[in-house]
N, C-alpha and C. Protein backbone atom coordinates (compact mmCIF):
# COMPACT_ATOMS: atom_id res chain seq x y z
N UNK A 1 -36.04 -56.13 -15.76
CA UNK A 1 -35.42 -55.07 -16.15
C UNK A 1 -34.17 -55.11 -15.01
N UNK A 2 -32.88 -54.87 -16.21
CA UNK A 2 -31.21 -55.13 -15.67
C UNK A 2 -31.03 -54.18 -14.39
N UNK A 3 -30.11 -54.73 -13.65
CA UNK A 3 -29.61 -54.01 -12.65
C UNK A 3 -28.18 -53.65 -12.61
N UNK A 4 -27.81 -52.33 -12.97
CA UNK A 4 -26.53 -51.41 -13.42
C UNK A 4 -25.53 -51.69 -11.57
N UNK A 5 -24.53 -52.43 -11.79
CA UNK A 5 -23.77 -52.26 -10.52
C UNK A 5 -22.79 -50.88 -10.79
N UNK A 6 -22.40 -50.73 -9.54
CA UNK A 6 -21.57 -49.49 -9.22
C UNK A 6 -20.53 -49.47 -9.53
N UNK A 7 -19.81 -50.49 -9.82
CA UNK A 7 -18.31 -50.80 -10.26
C UNK A 7 -18.07 -50.39 -11.24
N UNK A 8 -17.54 -49.56 -11.42
CA UNK A 8 -16.39 -48.96 -12.83
C UNK A 8 -16.08 -50.22 -13.80
N UNK A 9 -16.29 -50.31 -15.34
CA UNK A 9 -15.08 -50.80 -16.07
C UNK A 9 -14.12 -50.21 -15.86
N UNK A 10 -13.09 -51.39 -15.58
CA UNK A 10 -11.48 -51.11 -16.02
C UNK A 10 -11.02 -52.15 -16.91
N UNK A 11 -10.62 -51.83 -17.83
CA UNK A 11 -10.03 -52.73 -18.83
C UNK A 11 -8.72 -53.35 -17.75
N UNK A 12 -8.17 -55.24 -18.51
CA UNK A 12 -7.14 -55.76 -17.62
C UNK A 12 -6.29 -54.85 -18.02
N UNK A 13 -5.34 -54.69 -19.02
CA UNK A 13 -4.39 -54.13 -18.84
C UNK A 13 -3.89 -52.59 -18.27
N UNK A 14 -5.25 -52.32 -17.53
CA UNK A 14 -4.78 -51.06 -16.87
C UNK A 14 -5.19 -51.90 -15.66
N UNK A 15 -5.17 -53.00 -15.09
CA UNK A 15 -5.26 -53.60 -13.68
C UNK A 15 -4.04 -53.15 -13.04
N UNK A 16 -3.01 -53.30 -13.70
CA UNK A 16 -1.37 -53.52 -11.88
C UNK A 16 -0.79 -52.31 -13.01
N UNK A 17 -1.70 -50.96 -13.16
CA UNK A 17 -0.21 -49.66 -13.10
C UNK A 17 -0.63 -49.17 -11.75
N UNK A 18 0.33 -48.58 -11.94
CA UNK A 18 0.64 -47.88 -10.24
C UNK A 18 -0.91 -46.88 -9.91
N UNK A 19 -1.61 -46.63 -10.82
CA UNK A 19 -2.50 -45.76 -10.40
C UNK A 19 -3.73 -46.04 -10.55
N UNK A 20 -3.77 -47.55 -11.06
CA UNK A 20 -4.76 -48.50 -10.80
C UNK A 20 -5.07 -49.16 -9.16
N UNK A 21 -3.45 -49.53 -8.83
CA UNK A 21 -3.62 -49.66 -7.88
C UNK A 21 -3.54 -48.59 -6.33
N UNK A 22 -2.97 -47.85 -6.69
CA UNK A 22 -3.61 -46.10 -5.82
C UNK A 22 -4.58 -46.21 -5.86
N UNK A 23 -5.49 -46.04 -7.04
CA UNK A 23 -6.88 -45.69 -7.06
C UNK A 23 -7.82 -46.62 -6.21
N UNK A 24 -7.20 -48.09 -6.19
CA UNK A 24 -8.08 -49.29 -5.17
C UNK A 24 -7.25 -49.03 -3.26
N UNK A 25 -6.73 -48.77 -3.55
CA UNK A 25 -5.92 -48.40 -2.20
C UNK A 25 -6.28 -47.31 -1.29
N UNK A 26 -6.56 -46.30 -2.35
CA UNK A 26 -7.39 -45.05 -1.99
C UNK A 26 -9.10 -45.31 -1.61
N UNK A 27 -9.92 -46.43 -2.22
CA UNK A 27 -10.86 -46.72 -1.36
C UNK A 27 -10.77 -47.29 -0.04
N UNK A 28 -9.52 -47.57 0.20
CA UNK A 28 -9.79 -48.96 1.51
C UNK A 28 -9.21 -47.77 2.53
N UNK A 29 -8.22 -47.11 2.28
CA UNK A 29 -7.81 -46.46 3.11
C UNK A 29 -6.91 -44.67 3.04
N UNK A 30 -8.55 -43.31 2.81
CA UNK A 30 -8.36 -42.87 2.16
C UNK A 30 -7.56 -41.84 2.94
N UNK A 31 -7.76 -41.89 4.41
CA UNK A 31 -6.30 -40.59 5.23
C UNK A 31 -5.18 -40.84 4.83
N UNK A 32 -4.84 -42.03 5.17
CA UNK A 32 -3.76 -42.28 4.95
C UNK A 32 -2.74 -42.02 3.31
N UNK A 33 -3.63 -42.14 2.49
CA UNK A 33 -3.18 -42.18 0.94
C UNK A 33 -3.64 -40.63 0.55
N UNK A 34 -4.45 -39.77 1.28
CA UNK A 34 -4.63 -38.43 0.71
C UNK A 34 -4.81 -37.75 1.65
N UNK A 35 -5.30 -37.82 2.89
CA UNK A 35 -5.69 -36.93 4.08
C UNK A 35 -4.38 -36.37 4.69
N UNK A 36 -3.23 -37.77 4.74
CA UNK A 36 -2.13 -37.44 5.59
C UNK A 36 -0.68 -36.70 5.06
N UNK A 37 -0.90 -36.71 3.16
CA UNK A 37 0.25 -36.35 2.78
C UNK A 37 0.17 -34.66 2.99
N UNK A 38 -1.43 -34.25 2.18
CA UNK A 38 -2.08 -33.21 2.53
C UNK A 38 -1.40 -32.51 3.42
N UNK A 39 -1.96 -32.89 4.56
CA UNK A 39 -1.67 -32.27 5.72
C UNK A 39 -0.18 -32.13 5.66
N UNK A 40 1.08 -32.75 5.51
CA UNK A 40 1.87 -32.62 5.32
C UNK A 40 2.83 -31.78 5.29
N UNK A 41 2.12 -31.99 3.77
CA UNK A 41 2.18 -30.92 2.63
C UNK A 41 2.10 -29.22 2.93
N UNK A 42 0.76 -28.99 3.96
CA UNK A 42 0.53 -28.14 4.11
C UNK A 42 1.63 -27.79 5.54
N UNK A 43 1.68 -28.59 6.81
CA UNK A 43 2.67 -28.02 7.49
C UNK A 43 4.21 -27.63 7.27
N UNK A 44 4.68 -28.73 6.40
CA UNK A 44 5.97 -28.21 5.42
C UNK A 44 6.13 -26.90 4.61
N UNK A 45 5.33 -26.95 4.03
CA UNK A 45 4.62 -25.52 3.12
C UNK A 45 4.95 -24.22 4.36
N UNK A 46 4.30 -24.67 5.71
CA UNK A 46 4.29 -23.53 6.31
C UNK A 46 5.79 -23.15 6.49
N UNK A 47 6.74 -24.27 7.09
CA UNK A 47 7.62 -24.40 7.57
C UNK A 47 8.65 -23.80 6.64
N UNK A 48 8.61 -23.99 5.02
CA UNK A 48 9.33 -23.12 4.19
C UNK A 48 9.33 -21.62 4.06
N UNK A 49 7.63 -21.44 4.02
CA UNK A 49 7.97 -19.94 3.72
C UNK A 49 7.78 -18.85 5.11
N UNK A 50 8.17 -19.57 6.08
CA UNK A 50 8.54 -18.56 7.56
C UNK A 50 9.69 -18.06 7.17
N UNK A 51 10.34 -18.27 6.44
CA UNK A 51 11.53 -17.24 6.23
C UNK A 51 11.24 -16.42 5.39
N UNK A 52 10.68 -16.74 4.17
CA UNK A 52 10.52 -15.53 2.69
C UNK A 52 9.91 -14.90 3.90
N UNK A 53 9.19 -15.07 4.49
CA UNK A 53 7.97 -13.97 5.13
C UNK A 53 8.80 -12.71 6.04
N UNK A 54 9.24 -13.76 6.58
CA UNK A 54 10.34 -12.62 7.78
C UNK A 54 11.67 -11.37 6.77
N UNK A 55 11.59 -12.45 6.27
CA UNK A 55 12.40 -11.46 5.13
C UNK A 55 11.74 -10.42 4.16
N UNK A 56 10.31 -10.50 4.15
CA UNK A 56 9.40 -9.48 3.98
C UNK A 56 9.33 -8.48 4.66
N UNK A 57 9.07 -8.98 6.15
CA UNK A 57 8.71 -7.88 7.00
C UNK A 57 9.86 -7.53 7.80
N UNK A 58 11.17 -7.73 7.68
CA UNK A 58 12.26 -6.99 7.74
C UNK A 58 12.98 -5.80 7.15
N UNK A 59 12.18 -6.31 5.56
CA UNK A 59 12.90 -4.98 4.57
C UNK A 59 11.59 -4.06 4.75
N UNK A 60 10.64 -4.47 5.14
CA UNK A 60 9.66 -3.51 5.50
C UNK A 60 9.83 -2.48 6.48
N UNK A 61 10.74 -3.12 7.70
CA UNK A 61 10.60 -2.38 9.07
C UNK A 61 12.07 -2.04 8.95
N UNK A 62 12.91 -2.21 7.65
CA UNK A 62 14.16 -1.23 7.71
C UNK A 62 13.83 0.04 6.66
N UNK A 63 12.15 -0.05 5.75
CA UNK A 63 11.97 0.94 5.11
C UNK A 63 11.38 1.68 5.70
N UNK A 64 10.48 1.33 6.91
CA UNK A 64 9.51 2.29 7.73
C UNK A 64 10.15 2.47 9.21
N UNK A 65 10.41 3.40 9.76
CA UNK A 65 11.14 3.27 10.98
C UNK A 65 10.44 4.33 11.92
N UNK A 66 10.46 4.71 13.31
CA UNK A 66 10.02 5.77 13.78
C UNK A 66 11.14 6.83 13.73
N UNK A 67 11.08 7.92 13.52
CA UNK A 67 11.55 9.00 13.90
C UNK A 67 11.62 9.93 15.13
N UNK A 68 12.69 10.63 15.30
CA UNK A 68 12.83 11.33 16.74
C UNK A 68 11.89 12.47 16.11
N UNK A 69 11.60 13.39 17.16
CA UNK A 69 11.04 14.93 16.89
C UNK A 69 12.05 15.78 15.84
N UNK A 70 13.15 15.46 16.31
CA UNK A 70 14.12 16.06 15.32
C UNK A 70 14.69 15.97 14.06
N UNK A 71 14.27 14.68 13.68
CA UNK A 71 14.41 14.28 12.52
C UNK A 71 13.16 14.30 11.32
N UNK A 72 12.13 14.76 12.27
CA UNK A 72 10.69 14.96 11.31
C UNK A 72 10.29 16.39 11.62
N UNK A 73 11.23 17.19 12.44
CA UNK A 73 11.44 18.92 11.72
C UNK A 73 12.40 18.74 10.11
N UNK A 74 13.63 18.44 10.82
CA UNK A 74 14.78 18.44 9.44
C UNK A 74 14.55 17.37 8.76
N UNK A 75 13.45 17.13 7.77
CA UNK A 75 13.47 15.43 7.10
C UNK A 75 14.74 15.55 6.03
N UNK A 76 14.25 16.97 5.34
CA UNK A 76 15.06 16.87 4.16
C UNK A 76 16.51 17.38 4.52
N UNK A 77 17.52 17.08 3.41
CA UNK A 77 18.82 17.41 3.36
C UNK A 77 19.04 18.93 3.67
N UNK A 78 18.23 19.79 3.15
CA UNK A 78 18.84 21.49 3.52
C UNK A 78 17.53 21.99 4.08
N UNK A 79 16.95 21.07 5.18
CA UNK A 79 15.56 21.29 6.18
C UNK A 79 16.38 22.50 6.63
N UNK A 80 15.49 23.88 7.43
CA UNK A 80 16.31 24.56 8.51
C UNK A 80 15.71 23.90 10.11
N UNK A 81 16.65 23.95 11.08
CA UNK A 81 16.43 23.75 12.10
C UNK A 81 14.90 25.11 12.49
N UNK A 82 13.47 24.07 13.07
CA UNK A 82 12.69 24.95 12.95
C UNK A 82 12.26 25.07 14.36
N UNK A 83 11.63 26.16 14.73
CA UNK A 83 12.04 27.01 16.06
C UNK A 83 10.21 27.25 16.27
N UNK A 84 9.81 26.89 16.95
CA UNK A 84 8.07 27.32 17.54
C UNK A 84 8.19 28.14 17.74
N UNK A 85 8.72 29.02 18.13
CA UNK A 85 8.54 30.73 18.50
C UNK A 85 8.51 31.13 17.57
N UNK A 86 9.86 30.95 16.60
CA UNK A 86 9.86 31.80 15.40
C UNK A 86 9.09 31.82 14.49
N UNK A 87 7.95 30.49 13.99
CA UNK A 87 7.08 29.96 13.66
C UNK A 87 6.08 30.90 13.59
N UNK A 88 6.26 31.20 15.16
CA UNK A 88 4.33 31.77 15.78
C UNK A 88 4.62 33.14 15.32
N UNK A 89 5.60 33.68 15.53
CA UNK A 89 5.82 34.72 15.12
C UNK A 89 6.05 35.55 13.52
N UNK A 90 6.19 34.36 12.82
CA UNK A 90 6.48 34.71 11.50
C UNK A 90 4.93 34.47 11.14
N UNK A 91 4.22 33.86 11.10
CA UNK A 91 2.77 33.79 11.44
C UNK A 91 1.77 34.95 11.53
N UNK A 92 1.70 35.71 13.01
CA UNK A 92 1.79 36.50 13.34
C UNK A 92 1.86 37.72 12.16
N UNK A 93 3.17 37.78 11.92
CA UNK A 93 3.41 38.95 11.10
C UNK A 93 3.06 39.16 10.03
N UNK A 94 2.50 38.38 9.36
CA UNK A 94 1.51 38.00 8.33
C UNK A 94 0.45 38.88 8.10
N UNK A 95 0.02 39.58 7.18
CA UNK A 95 -1.35 40.27 7.47
C UNK A 95 -2.65 39.67 7.16
N UNK A 96 -3.30 38.79 8.45
CA UNK A 96 -4.24 38.50 8.05
C UNK A 96 -5.52 39.09 8.06
N UNK A 97 -5.69 40.08 7.83
CA UNK A 97 -7.17 40.29 8.00
C UNK A 97 -7.48 40.99 6.21
N UNK A 98 -6.34 40.80 5.86
CA UNK A 98 -6.63 41.61 4.18
C UNK A 98 -7.04 39.83 3.29
N UNK A 99 -7.81 39.61 2.97
CA UNK A 99 -8.09 38.33 2.26
C UNK A 99 -9.69 38.76 1.78
N UNK A 100 -9.65 37.88 0.70
CA UNK A 100 -11.18 38.22 -0.05
C UNK A 100 -11.65 37.03 -0.21
N UNK A 101 -13.00 36.65 0.06
CA UNK A 101 -14.14 35.63 -0.20
C UNK A 101 -14.08 35.54 -1.52
N UNK A 102 -13.97 34.39 -2.36
CA UNK A 102 -14.35 33.84 -3.89
C UNK A 102 -15.28 32.86 -3.80
N UNK A 103 -16.47 32.73 -4.48
CA UNK A 103 -17.16 31.56 -4.74
C UNK A 103 -16.26 30.47 -5.55
N UNK A 104 -16.85 29.52 -5.57
CA UNK A 104 -15.98 28.14 -6.41
C UNK A 104 -17.13 27.98 -7.33
N UNK A 105 -16.38 28.13 -8.96
CA UNK A 105 -17.15 27.90 -9.55
C UNK A 105 -18.09 26.65 -9.64
N UNK A 106 -19.33 26.86 -10.21
CA UNK A 106 -20.03 25.27 -10.47
C UNK A 106 -20.12 24.62 -11.25
N UNK A 107 -20.41 23.26 -11.57
CA UNK A 107 -20.48 22.39 -12.90
C UNK A 107 -21.45 23.21 -13.88
N UNK A 108 -22.03 23.14 -14.72
CA UNK A 108 -23.17 22.86 -15.41
C UNK A 108 -24.54 22.09 -14.94
N UNK A 109 -25.26 22.77 -14.62
CA UNK A 109 -26.10 22.29 -13.77
C UNK A 109 -26.67 21.49 -12.30
N UNK A 110 -24.99 21.20 -11.64
CA UNK A 110 -25.14 21.34 -10.15
C UNK A 110 -25.84 22.72 -9.47
N UNK A 111 -26.49 21.94 -8.93
CA UNK A 111 -27.59 23.48 -7.59
C UNK A 111 -25.74 24.44 -6.85
N UNK A 112 -25.96 25.30 -6.76
CA UNK A 112 -25.19 26.44 -6.10
C UNK A 112 -25.49 26.63 -5.07
N UNK A 113 -26.25 26.46 -4.58
CA UNK A 113 -26.87 26.36 -2.77
C UNK A 113 -27.68 28.06 -2.57
N UNK A 114 -27.86 28.81 -3.47
CA UNK A 114 -27.65 29.95 -3.49
C UNK A 114 -29.83 30.14 -3.56
N UNK A 115 -30.15 30.42 -2.69
CA UNK A 115 -31.69 30.28 -2.39
C UNK A 115 -32.53 31.36 -2.72
């Protein structure tokens, strides 16, 4: 029974191409020809993408910022000045005892909670 070799057949016209020489060198020096360029690409990409990421976060910081208490209360252009005592007395002046409890209409087949 014949034993097959592990070498792949490559025609003689492809023996001197750049790809063939690279493939042969890659089996001898895998880190230098594959690993090192890969790592260099990752590091260079990190340096090139850092400014883009910084721009993204600066844009977000311009859009979202902390507001002082006065700015929070008068956030709109036509917002009136809010006084907590005035708001308390305006709420107290309303009739809070005049209300009626109403049940929410249930969907068909839904349990209504009545025993």
